[in-house]
Amino acid sequence: MSSELEALKSLLLHEWDPIGVSGCEGAEDEYDYYAMQVFKMLADEADAATIGEYLNWVVTSRMSLRGNPDMDRDIAAKAVAIYGRRHS
């Protein structure tokens, strides 16, 4: 598995974490699906705005939680930076 994908998984678990499971034993893979989707979006050259919208959609539509678009944009910018380190 790529180091970028592992970094994205960590980012979503430890910084995004909309359901608050980062400190729970056994939750290490809770957001792996979403990290993979973000990874695929980045590989398809999605920008931070698009990824932020995706993350907000996940929170509001898939998880039925109140979204935080500002945080989602911040996490998306970090995801772009993680991916861009090796692909720029």
PDB file of N, CA and C in Angstrom:
ATOM      1  N   MET A   1       0.841  -1.180   0.000  1.00  0.00           N
ATOM      2  CA  MET A   1       0.000   0.000   0.000  1.00  0.00           C
ATOM      3  C   MET A   1       0.884   1.240   0.000  1.00  0.00           C
ATOM      4  N   SER A   2       0.479   2.268  -0.716  1.00  0.00           N
ATOM      5  CA  SER A   2       1.314   3.450  -0.859  1.00  0.00           C
ATOM      6  C   SER A   2       1.384   4.257   0.433  1.00  0.00           C
ATOM      7  N   SER A   3       2.476   4.959   0.574  1.00  0.00           N
ATOM      8  CA  SER A   3       2.638   5.809   1.761  1.00  0.00           C
ATOM      9  C   SER A   3       1.627   6.944   1.750  1.00  0.00           C
ATOM     10  N   GLU A   4       1.246   7.427   0.553  1.00  0.00           N
ATOM     11  CA  GLU A   4       0.236   8.486   0.481  1.00  0.00           C
ATOM     12  C   GLU A   4      -1.109   7.982   1.006  1.00  0.00           C
ATOM     13  N   LEU A   5      -1.493   6.788   0.619  1.00  0.00           N
ATOM     14  CA  LEU A   5      -2.764   6.239   1.091  1.00  0.00           C
ATOM     15  C   LEU A   5      -2.727   6.053   2.601  1.00  0.00           C
ATOM     16  N   GLU A   6      -1.630   5.546   3.123  1.00  0.00           N
ATOM     17  CA  GLU A   6      -1.513   5.390   4.574  1.00  0.00           C
ATOM     18  C   GLU A   6      -1.607   6.746   5.276  1.00  0.00           C
ATOM     19  N   ALA A   7      -0.980   7.765   4.684  1.00  0.00           N
ATOM     20  CA  ALA A   7      -1.038   9.114   5.263  1.00  0.00           C
ATOM     21  C   ALA A   7      -2.463   9.667   5.203  1.00  0.00           C
ATOM     22  N   LEU A   8      -3.184   9.379   4.129  1.00  0.00           N
ATOM     23  CA  LEU A   8      -4.574   9.825   4.020  1.00  0.00           C
ATOM     24  C   LEU A   8      -5.454   9.132   5.054  1.00  0.00           C
ATOM     25  N   LYS A   9      -5.235   7.843   5.251  1.00  0.00           N
ATOM     26  CA  LYS A   9      -5.993   7.112   6.275  1.00  0.00           C
ATOM     27  C   LYS A   9      -5.756   7.734   7.641  1.00  0.00           C
ATOM     28  N   SER A  10      -4.510   8.038   7.940  1.00  0.00           N
ATOM     29  CA  SER A  10      -4.170   8.651   9.222  1.00  0.00           C
ATOM     30  C   SER A  10      -4.799  10.039   9.351  1.00  0.00           C
ATOM     31  N   LEU A  11      -4.745  10.811   8.286  1.00  0.00           N
ATOM     32  CA  LEU A  11      -5.343  12.147   8.290  1.00  0.00           C
ATOM     33  C   LEU A  11      -6.831  12.082   8.602  1.00  0.00           C
ATOM     34  N   LEU A  12      -7.538  11.202   7.926  1.00  0.00           N
ATOM     35  CA  LEU A  12      -8.982  11.104   8.152  1.00  0.00           C
ATOM     36  C   LEU A  12      -9.299  10.605   9.556  1.00  0.00           C
ATOM     37  N   LEU A  13      -8.531   9.657  10.037  1.00  0.00           N
ATOM     38  CA  LEU A  13      -8.795   9.110  11.362  1.00  0.00           C
ATOM     39  C   LEU A  13      -8.449  10.099  12.471  1.00  0.00           C
ATOM     40  N   HIS A  14      -7.323  10.749  12.363  1.00  0.00           N
ATOM     41  CA  HIS A  14      -6.839  11.558  13.478  1.00  0.00           C
ATOM     42  C   HIS A  14      -7.202  13.026  13.408  1.00  0.00           C
ATOM     43  N   GLU A  15      -7.493  13.545  12.214  1.00  0.00           N
ATOM     44  CA  GLU A  15      -7.811  14.966  12.112  1.00  0.00           C
ATOM     45  C   GLU A  15      -9.233  15.242  11.642  1.00  0.00           C
ATOM     46  N   TRP A  16      -9.748  14.424  10.756  1.00  0.00           N
ATOM     47  CA  TRP A  16     -11.112  14.630  10.251  1.00  0.00           C
ATOM     48  C   TRP A  16     -12.107  14.022  11.224  1.00  0.00           C
ATOM     49  N   ASP A  17     -12.113  12.747  11.423  1.00  0.00           N
ATOM     50  CA  ASP A  17     -12.839  11.966  12.437  1.00  0.00           C
ATOM     51  C   ASP A  17     -14.211  12.517  12.835  1.00  0.00           C
ATOM     52  N   PRO A  18     -15.159  12.591  11.913  1.00  0.00           N
ATOM     53  CA  PRO A  18     -16.464  13.179  12.244  1.00  0.00           C
ATOM     54  C   PRO A  18     -17.272  12.401  13.278  1.00  0.00           C
ATOM     55  N   ILE A  19     -17.007  11.121  13.464  1.00  0.00           N
ATOM     56  CA  ILE A  19     -17.779  10.371  14.459  1.00  0.00           C
ATOM     57  C   ILE A  19     -17.005  10.154  15.755  1.00  0.00           C
ATOM     58  N   GLY A  20     -15.806  10.705  15.838  1.00  0.00           N
ATOM     59  CA  GLY A  20     -15.058  10.702  17.087  1.00  0.00           C
ATOM     60  C   GLY A  20     -14.552   9.351  17.550  1.00  0.00           C
ATOM     61  N   VAL A  21     -13.979   8.573  16.640  1.00  0.00           N
ATOM     62  CA  VAL A  21     -13.514   7.239  17.010  1.00  0.00           C
ATOM     63  C   VAL A  21     -11.995   7.097  17.057  1.00  0.00           C
ATOM     64  N   SER A  22     -11.270   8.165  16.840  1.00  0.00           N
ATOM     65  CA  SER A  22      -9.815   8.040  16.695  1.00  0.00           C
ATOM     66  C   SER A  22      -9.138   7.421  17.910  1.00  0.00           C
ATOM     67  N   GLY A  23      -9.689   7.582  19.076  1.00  0.00           N
ATOM     68  CA  GLY A  23      -9.077   7.005  20.270  1.00  0.00           C
ATOM     69  C   GLY A  23      -9.613   5.639  20.646  1.00  0.00           C
ATOM     70  N   CYS A  24     -10.505   5.095  19.848  1.00  0.00           N
ATOM     71  CA  CYS A  24     -11.146   3.823  20.171  1.00  0.00           C
ATOM     72  C   CYS A  24     -10.358   2.651  19.597  1.00  0.00           C
ATOM     73  N   GLU A  25     -10.145   1.661  20.430  1.00  0.00           N
ATOM     74  CA  GLU A  25      -9.457   0.455  19.973  1.00  0.00           C
ATOM     75  C   GLU A  25     -10.277  -0.218  18.876  1.00  0.00           C
ATOM     76  N   GLY A  26      -9.616  -0.627  17.818  1.00  0.00           N
ATOM     77  CA  GLY A  26     -10.274  -1.323  16.724  1.00  0.00           C
ATOM     78  C   GLY A  26     -10.865  -0.406  15.664  1.00  0.00           C
ATOM     79  N   ALA A  27     -10.700   0.902  15.824  1.00  0.00           N
ATOM     80  CA  ALA A  27     -11.288   1.844  14.868  1.00  0.00           C
ATOM     81  C   ALA A  27     -10.301   2.295  13.800  1.00  0.00           C
ATOM     82  N   GLU A  28      -9.149   1.666  13.745  1.00  0.00           N
ATOM     83  CA  GLU A  28      -8.089   2.111  12.841  1.00  0.00           C
ATOM     84  C   GLU A  28      -8.510   2.128  11.373  1.00  0.00           C
ATOM     85  N   ASP A  29      -9.457   1.283  10.998  1.00  0.00           N
ATOM     86  CA  ASP A  29      -9.869   1.209   9.601  1.00  0.00           C
ATOM     87  C   ASP A  29     -11.220   1.865   9.333  1.00  0.00           C
ATOM     88  N   GLU A  30     -11.723   2.616  10.281  1.00  0.00           N
ATOM     89  CA  GLU A  30     -13.070   3.197  10.189  1.00  0.00           C
ATOM     90  C   GLU A  30     -13.278   4.036   8.930  1.00  0.00           C
ATOM     91  N   TYR A  31     -12.276   4.798   8.528  1.00  0.00           N
ATOM     92  CA  TYR A  31     -12.418   5.695   7.384  1.00  0.00           C
ATOM     93  C   TYR A  31     -11.613   5.250   6.166  1.00  0.00           C
ATOM     94  N   ASP A  32     -11.171   4.014   6.151  1.00  0.00           N
ATOM     95  CA  ASP A  32     -10.338   3.529   5.042  1.00  0.00           C
ATOM     96  C   ASP A  32     -11.040   3.651   3.689  1.00  0.00           C
ATOM     97  N   TYR A  33     -12.320   3.354   3.643  1.00  0.00           N
ATOM     98  CA  TYR A  33     -13.052   3.454   2.378  1.00  0.00           C
ATOM     99  C   TYR A  33     -12.995   4.885   1.852  1.00  0.00           C
ATOM    100  N   TYR A  34     -13.230   5.846   2.736  1.00  0.00           N
ATOM    101  CA  TYR A  34     -13.229   7.247   2.320  1.00  0.00           C
ATOM    102  C   TYR A  34     -11.824   7.699   1.937  1.00  0.00           C
ATOM    103  N   ALA A  35     -10.818   7.209   2.636  1.00  0.00           N
ATOM    104  CA  ALA A  35      -9.433   7.530   2.279  1.00  0.00           C
ATOM    105  C   ALA A  35      -9.113   7.004   0.885  1.00  0.00           C
ATOM    106  N   MET A  36      -9.587   5.821   0.569  1.00  0.00           N
ATOM    107  CA  MET A  36      -9.367   5.254  -0.761  1.00  0.00           C
ATOM    108  C   MET A  36     -10.069   6.096  -1.822  1.00  0.00           C
ATOM    109  N   GLN A  37     -11.271   6.546  -1.521  1.00  0.00           N
ATOM    110  CA  GLN A  37     -11.990   7.399  -2.472  1.00  0.00           C
ATOM    111  C   GLN A  37     -11.238   8.708  -2.693  1.00  0.00           C
ATOM    112  N   VAL A  38     -10.749   9.304  -1.633  1.00  0.00           N
ATOM    113  CA  VAL A  38      -9.974  10.546  -1.754  1.00  0.00           C
ATOM    114  C   VAL A  38      -8.710  10.281  -2.562  1.00  0.00           C
ATOM    115  N   PHE A  39      -8.053   9.167  -2.295  1.00  0.00           N
ATOM    116  CA  PHE A  39      -6.849   8.799  -3.046  1.00  0.00           C
ATOM    117  C   PHE A  39      -7.153   8.691  -4.543  1.00  0.00           C
ATOM    118  N   LYS A  40      -8.250   8.041  -4.883  1.00  0.00           N
ATOM    119  CA  LYS A  40      -8.647   7.899  -6.286  1.00  0.00           C
ATOM    120  C   LYS A  40      -8.955   9.265  -6.900  1.00  0.00           C
ATOM    121  N   MET A  41      -9.631  10.115  -6.129  1.00  0.00           N
ATOM    122  CA  MET A  41      -9.946  11.455  -6.626  1.00  0.00           C
ATOM    123  C   MET A  41      -8.662  12.234  -6.903  1.00  0.00           C
ATOM    124  N   LEU A  42      -7.706  12.125  -5.997  1.00  0.00           N
ATOM    125  CA  LEU A  42      -6.431  12.811  -6.187  1.00  0.00           C
ATOM    126  C   LEU A  42      -5.695  12.277  -7.422  1.00  0.00           C
ATOM    127  N   ALA A  43      -5.733  10.976  -7.615  1.00  0.00           N
ATOM    128  CA  ALA A  43      -5.101  10.376  -8.783  1.00  0.00           C
ATOM    129  C   ALA A  43      -5.756  10.873 -10.070  1.00  0.00           C
ATOM    130  N   ASP A  44      -7.038  11.216  -9.982  1.00  0.00           N
ATOM    131  CA  ASP A  44      -7.768  11.758 -11.130  1.00  0.00           C
ATOM    132  C   ASP A  44      -7.680  13.286 -11.184  1.00  0.00           C
ATOM    133  N   GLU A  45      -6.765  13.852 -10.391  1.00  0.00           N
ATOM    134  CA  GLU A  45      -6.450  15.275 -10.378  1.00  0.00           C
ATOM    135  C   GLU A  45      -7.552  16.164  -9.801  1.00  0.00           C
ATOM    136  N   ALA A  46      -8.326  15.647  -8.862  1.00  0.00           N
ATOM    137  CA  ALA A  46      -9.319  16.477  -8.175  1.00  0.00           C
ATOM    138  C   ALA A  46      -8.598  17.526  -7.337  1.00  0.00           C
ATOM    139  N   ASP A  47      -9.213  18.682  -7.211  1.00  0.00           N
ATOM    140  CA  ASP A  47      -8.624  19.745  -6.402  1.00  0.00           C
ATOM    141  C   ASP A  47      -9.185  19.709  -4.981  1.00  0.00           C
ATOM    142  N   ALA A  48      -8.656  20.573  -4.132  1.00  0.00           N
ATOM    143  CA  ALA A  48      -9.064  20.589  -2.723  1.00  0.00           C
ATOM    144  C   ALA A  48     -10.546  20.915  -2.572  1.00  0.00           C
ATOM    145  N   ALA A  49     -11.070  21.804  -3.399  1.00  0.00           N
ATOM    146  CA  ALA A  49     -12.485  22.163  -3.305  1.00  0.00           C
ATOM    147  C   ALA A  49     -13.376  20.945  -3.560  1.00  0.00           C
ATOM    148  N   THR A  50     -13.040  20.172  -4.568  1.00  0.00           N
ATOM    149  CA  THR A  50     -13.820  18.982  -4.907  1.00  0.00           C
ATOM    150  C   THR A  50     -13.736  17.942  -3.796  1.00  0.00           C
ATOM    151  N   ILE A  51     -12.559  17.755  -3.262  1.00  0.00           N
ATOM    152  CA  ILE A  51     -12.389  16.781  -2.180  1.00  0.00           C
ATOM    153  C   ILE A  51     -13.107  17.259  -0.923  1.00  0.00           C
ATOM    154  N   GLY A  52     -13.033  18.547  -0.635  1.00  0.00           N
ATOM    155  CA  GLY A  52     -13.762  19.096   0.509  1.00  0.00           C
ATOM    156  C   GLY A  52     -15.257  18.885   0.387  1.00  0.00           C
ATOM    157  N   GLU A  53     -15.791  19.073  -0.818  1.00  0.00           N
ATOM    158  CA  GLU A  53     -17.215  18.830  -1.053  1.00  0.00           C
ATOM    159  C   GLU A  53     -17.549  17.361  -0.837  1.00  0.00           C
ATOM    160  N   TYR A  54     -16.666  16.481  -1.291  1.00  0.00           N
ATOM    161  CA  TYR A  54     -16.887  15.047  -1.085  1.00  0.00           C
ATOM    162  C   TYR A  54     -16.919  14.712   0.408  1.00  0.00           C
ATOM    163  N   LEU A  55     -15.938  15.206   1.154  1.00  0.00           N
ATOM    164  CA  LEU A  55     -15.892  14.928   2.587  1.00  0.00           C
ATOM    165  C   LEU A  55     -17.133  15.473   3.290  1.00  0.00           C
ATOM    166  N   ASN A  56     -17.576  16.664   2.892  1.00  0.00           N
ATOM    167  CA  ASN A  56     -18.782  17.227   3.495  1.00  0.00           C
ATOM    168  C   ASN A  56     -20.000  16.392   3.142  1.00  0.00           C
ATOM    169  N   TRP A  57     -20.057  15.894   1.911  1.00  0.00           N
ATOM    170  CA  TRP A  57     -21.152  15.021   1.508  1.00  0.00           C
ATOM    171  C   TRP A  57     -21.161  13.741   2.353  1.00  0.00           C
ATOM    172  N   VAL A  58     -19.983  13.178   2.585  1.00  0.00           N
ATOM    173  CA  VAL A  58     -19.888  11.973   3.409  1.00  0.00           C
ATOM    174  C   VAL A  58     -20.489  12.237   4.782  1.00  0.00           C
ATOM    175  N   VAL A  59     -20.094  13.340   5.389  1.00  0.00           N
ATOM    176  CA  VAL A  59     -20.560  13.655   6.739  1.00  0.00           C
ATOM    177  C   VAL A  59     -22.064  13.898   6.760  1.00  0.00           C
ATOM    178  N   THR A  60     -22.548  14.713   5.837  1.00  0.00           N
ATOM    179  CA  THR A  60     -23.961  15.108   5.892  1.00  0.00           C
ATOM    180  C   THR A  60     -24.917  14.081   5.301  1.00  0.00           C
ATOM    181  N   SER A  61     -24.511  13.437   4.213  1.00  0.00           N
ATOM    182  CA  SER A  61     -25.425  12.506   3.535  1.00  0.00           C
ATOM    183  C   SER A  61     -25.242  11.060   3.957  1.00  0.00           C
ATOM    184  N   ARG A  62     -24.003  10.615   4.066  1.00  0.00           N
ATOM    185  CA  ARG A  62     -23.762   9.213   4.432  1.00  0.00           C
ATOM    186  C   ARG A  62     -23.869   8.980   5.935  1.00  0.00           C
ATOM    187  N   MET A  63     -23.367   9.957   6.715  1.00  0.00           N
ATOM    188  CA  MET A  63     -23.349   9.785   8.167  1.00  0.00           C
ATOM    189  C   MET A  63     -24.491  10.514   8.859  1.00  0.00           C
ATOM    190  N   SER A  64     -25.215  11.319   8.113  1.00  0.00           N
ATOM    191  CA  SER A  64     -26.354  12.100   8.639  1.00  0.00           C
ATOM    192  C   SER A  64     -25.968  12.955   9.845  1.00  0.00           C
ATOM    193  N   LEU A  65     -24.799  13.580   9.752  1.00  0.00           N
ATOM    194  CA  LEU A  65     -24.321  14.467  10.802  1.00  0.00           C
ATOM    195  C   LEU A  65     -24.295  15.897  10.288  1.00  0.00           C
ATOM    196  N   ARG A  66     -24.175  16.822  11.212  1.00  0.00           N
ATOM    197  CA  ARG A  66     -24.021  18.218  10.822  1.00  0.00           C
ATOM    198  C   ARG A  66     -22.622  18.390  10.252  1.00  0.00           C
ATOM    199  N   GLY A  67     -22.543  18.976   9.113  1.00  0.00           N
ATOM    200  CA  GLY A  67     -21.256  19.141   8.455  1.00  0.00           C
ATOM    201  C   GLY A  67     -20.476  20.327   8.983  1.00  0.00           C
ATOM    202  N   ASN A  68     -19.192  20.330   8.672  1.00  0.00           N
ATOM    203  CA  ASN A  68     -18.300  21.434   8.983  1.00  0.00           C
ATOM    204  C   ASN A  68     -17.477  21.700   7.720  1.00  0.00           C
ATOM    205  N   PRO A  69     -18.062  22.456   6.769  1.00  0.00           N
ATOM    206  CA  PRO A  69     -17.386  22.653   5.489  1.00  0.00           C
ATOM    207  C   PRO A  69     -15.985  23.252   5.616  1.00  0.00           C
ATOM    208  N   ASP A  70     -15.780  24.134   6.579  1.00  0.00           N
ATOM    209  CA  ASP A  70     -14.446  24.724   6.754  1.00  0.00           C
ATOM    210  C   ASP A  70     -13.419  23.655   7.111  1.00  0.00           C
ATOM    211  N   MET A  71     -13.772  22.775   8.038  1.00  0.00           N
ATOM    212  CA  MET A  71     -12.860  21.707   8.411  1.00  0.00           C
ATOM    213  C   MET A  71     -12.628  20.758   7.228  1.00  0.00           C
ATOM    214  N   ASP A  72     -13.698  20.441   6.508  1.00  0.00           N
ATOM    215  CA  ASP A  72     -13.560  19.545   5.361  1.00  0.00           C
ATOM    216  C   ASP A  72     -12.617  20.138   4.315  1.00  0.00           C
ATOM    217  N   ARG A  73     -12.697  21.440   4.098  1.00  0.00           N
ATOM    218  CA  ARG A  73     -11.788  22.101   3.151  1.00  0.00           C
ATOM    219  C   ARG A  73     -10.350  22.050   3.658  1.00  0.00           C
ATOM    220  N   ASP A  74     -10.170  22.255   4.965  1.00  0.00           N
ATOM    221  CA  ASP A  74      -8.821  22.173   5.540  1.00  0.00           C
ATOM    222  C   ASP A  74      -8.231  20.766   5.379  1.00  0.00           C
ATOM    223  N   ILE A  75      -9.036  19.764   5.665  1.00  0.00           N
ATOM    224  CA  ILE A  75      -8.578  18.375   5.522  1.00  0.00           C
ATOM    225  C   ILE A  75      -8.286  18.082   4.049  1.00  0.00           C
ATOM    226  N   ALA A  76      -9.124  18.581   3.160  1.00  0.00           N
ATOM    227  CA  ALA A  76      -8.904  18.372   1.724  1.00  0.00           C
ATOM    228  C   ALA A  76      -7.593  19.008   1.284  1.00  0.00           C
ATOM    229  N   ALA A  77      -7.300  20.197   1.776  1.00  0.00           N
ATOM    230  CA  ALA A  77      -6.033  20.855   1.418  1.00  0.00           C
ATOM    231  C   ALA A  77      -4.851  20.032   1.914  1.00  0.00           C
ATOM    232  N   LYS A  78      -4.970  19.465   3.101  1.00  0.00           N
ATOM    233  CA  LYS A  78      -3.901  18.606   3.625  1.00  0.00           C
ATOM    234  C   LYS A  78      -3.768  17.345   2.774  1.00  0.00           C
ATOM    235  N   ALA A  79      -4.895  16.796   2.321  1.00  0.00           N
ATOM    236  CA  ALA A  79      -4.862  15.605   1.469  1.00  0.00           C
ATOM    237  C   ALA A  79      -4.150  15.912   0.151  1.00  0.00           C
ATOM    238  N   VAL A  80      -4.444  17.056  -0.437  1.00  0.00           N
ATOM    239  CA  VAL A  80      -3.782  17.457  -1.679  1.00  0.00           C
ATOM    240  C   VAL A  80      -2.287  17.591  -1.445  1.00  0.00           C
ATOM    241  N   ALA A  81      -1.902  18.179  -0.314  1.00  0.00           N
ATOM    242  CA  ALA A  81      -0.473  18.341   0.000  1.00  0.00           C
ATOM    243  C   ALA A  81       0.206  16.988   0.186  1.00  0.00           C
ATOM    244  N   ILE A  82      -0.460  16.070   0.862  1.00  0.00           N
ATOM    245  CA  ILE A  82       0.101  14.725   1.064  1.00  0.00           C
ATOM    246  C   ILE A  82       0.335  14.061  -0.287  1.00  0.00           C
ATOM    247  N   TYR A  83      -0.658  14.111  -1.140  1.00  0.00           N
ATOM    248  CA  TYR A  83      -0.549  13.457  -2.446  1.00  0.00           C
ATOM    249  C   TYR A  83       0.469  14.172  -3.331  1.00  0.00           C
ATOM    250  N   GLY A  84       0.493  15.467  -3.263  1.00  0.00           N
ATOM    251  CA  GLY A  84       1.351  16.264  -4.118  1.00  0.00           C
ATOM    252  C   GLY A  84       2.834  16.119  -3.820  1.00  0.00           C
ATOM    253  N   ARG A  85       3.182  15.673  -2.625  1.00  0.00           N
ATOM    254  CA  ARG A  85       4.578  15.512  -2.269  1.00  0.00           C
ATOM    255  C   ARG A  85       5.327  14.604  -3.232  1.00  0.00           C
ATOM    256  N   ARG A  86       4.639  13.579  -3.723  1.00  0.00           N
ATOM    257  CA  ARG A  86       5.316  12.607  -4.614  1.00  0.00           C
ATOM    258  C   ARG A  86       4.836  12.687  -6.055  1.00  0.00           C
ATOM    259  N   HIS A  87       3.816  13.489  -6.286  1.00  0.00           N
ATOM    260  CA  HIS A  87       3.237  13.511  -7.630  1.00  0.00           C
ATOM    261  C   HIS A  87       3.311  14.864  -8.304  1.00  0.00           C
ATOM    262  N   SER A  88       4.151  15.741  -7.786  1.00  0.00           N
ATOM    263  CA  SER A  88       4.248  17.064  -8.414  1.00  0.00           C
ATOM    264  C   SER A  88       5.433  17.158  -9.336  1.00  0.00           C
TER     265      SER A  88
END
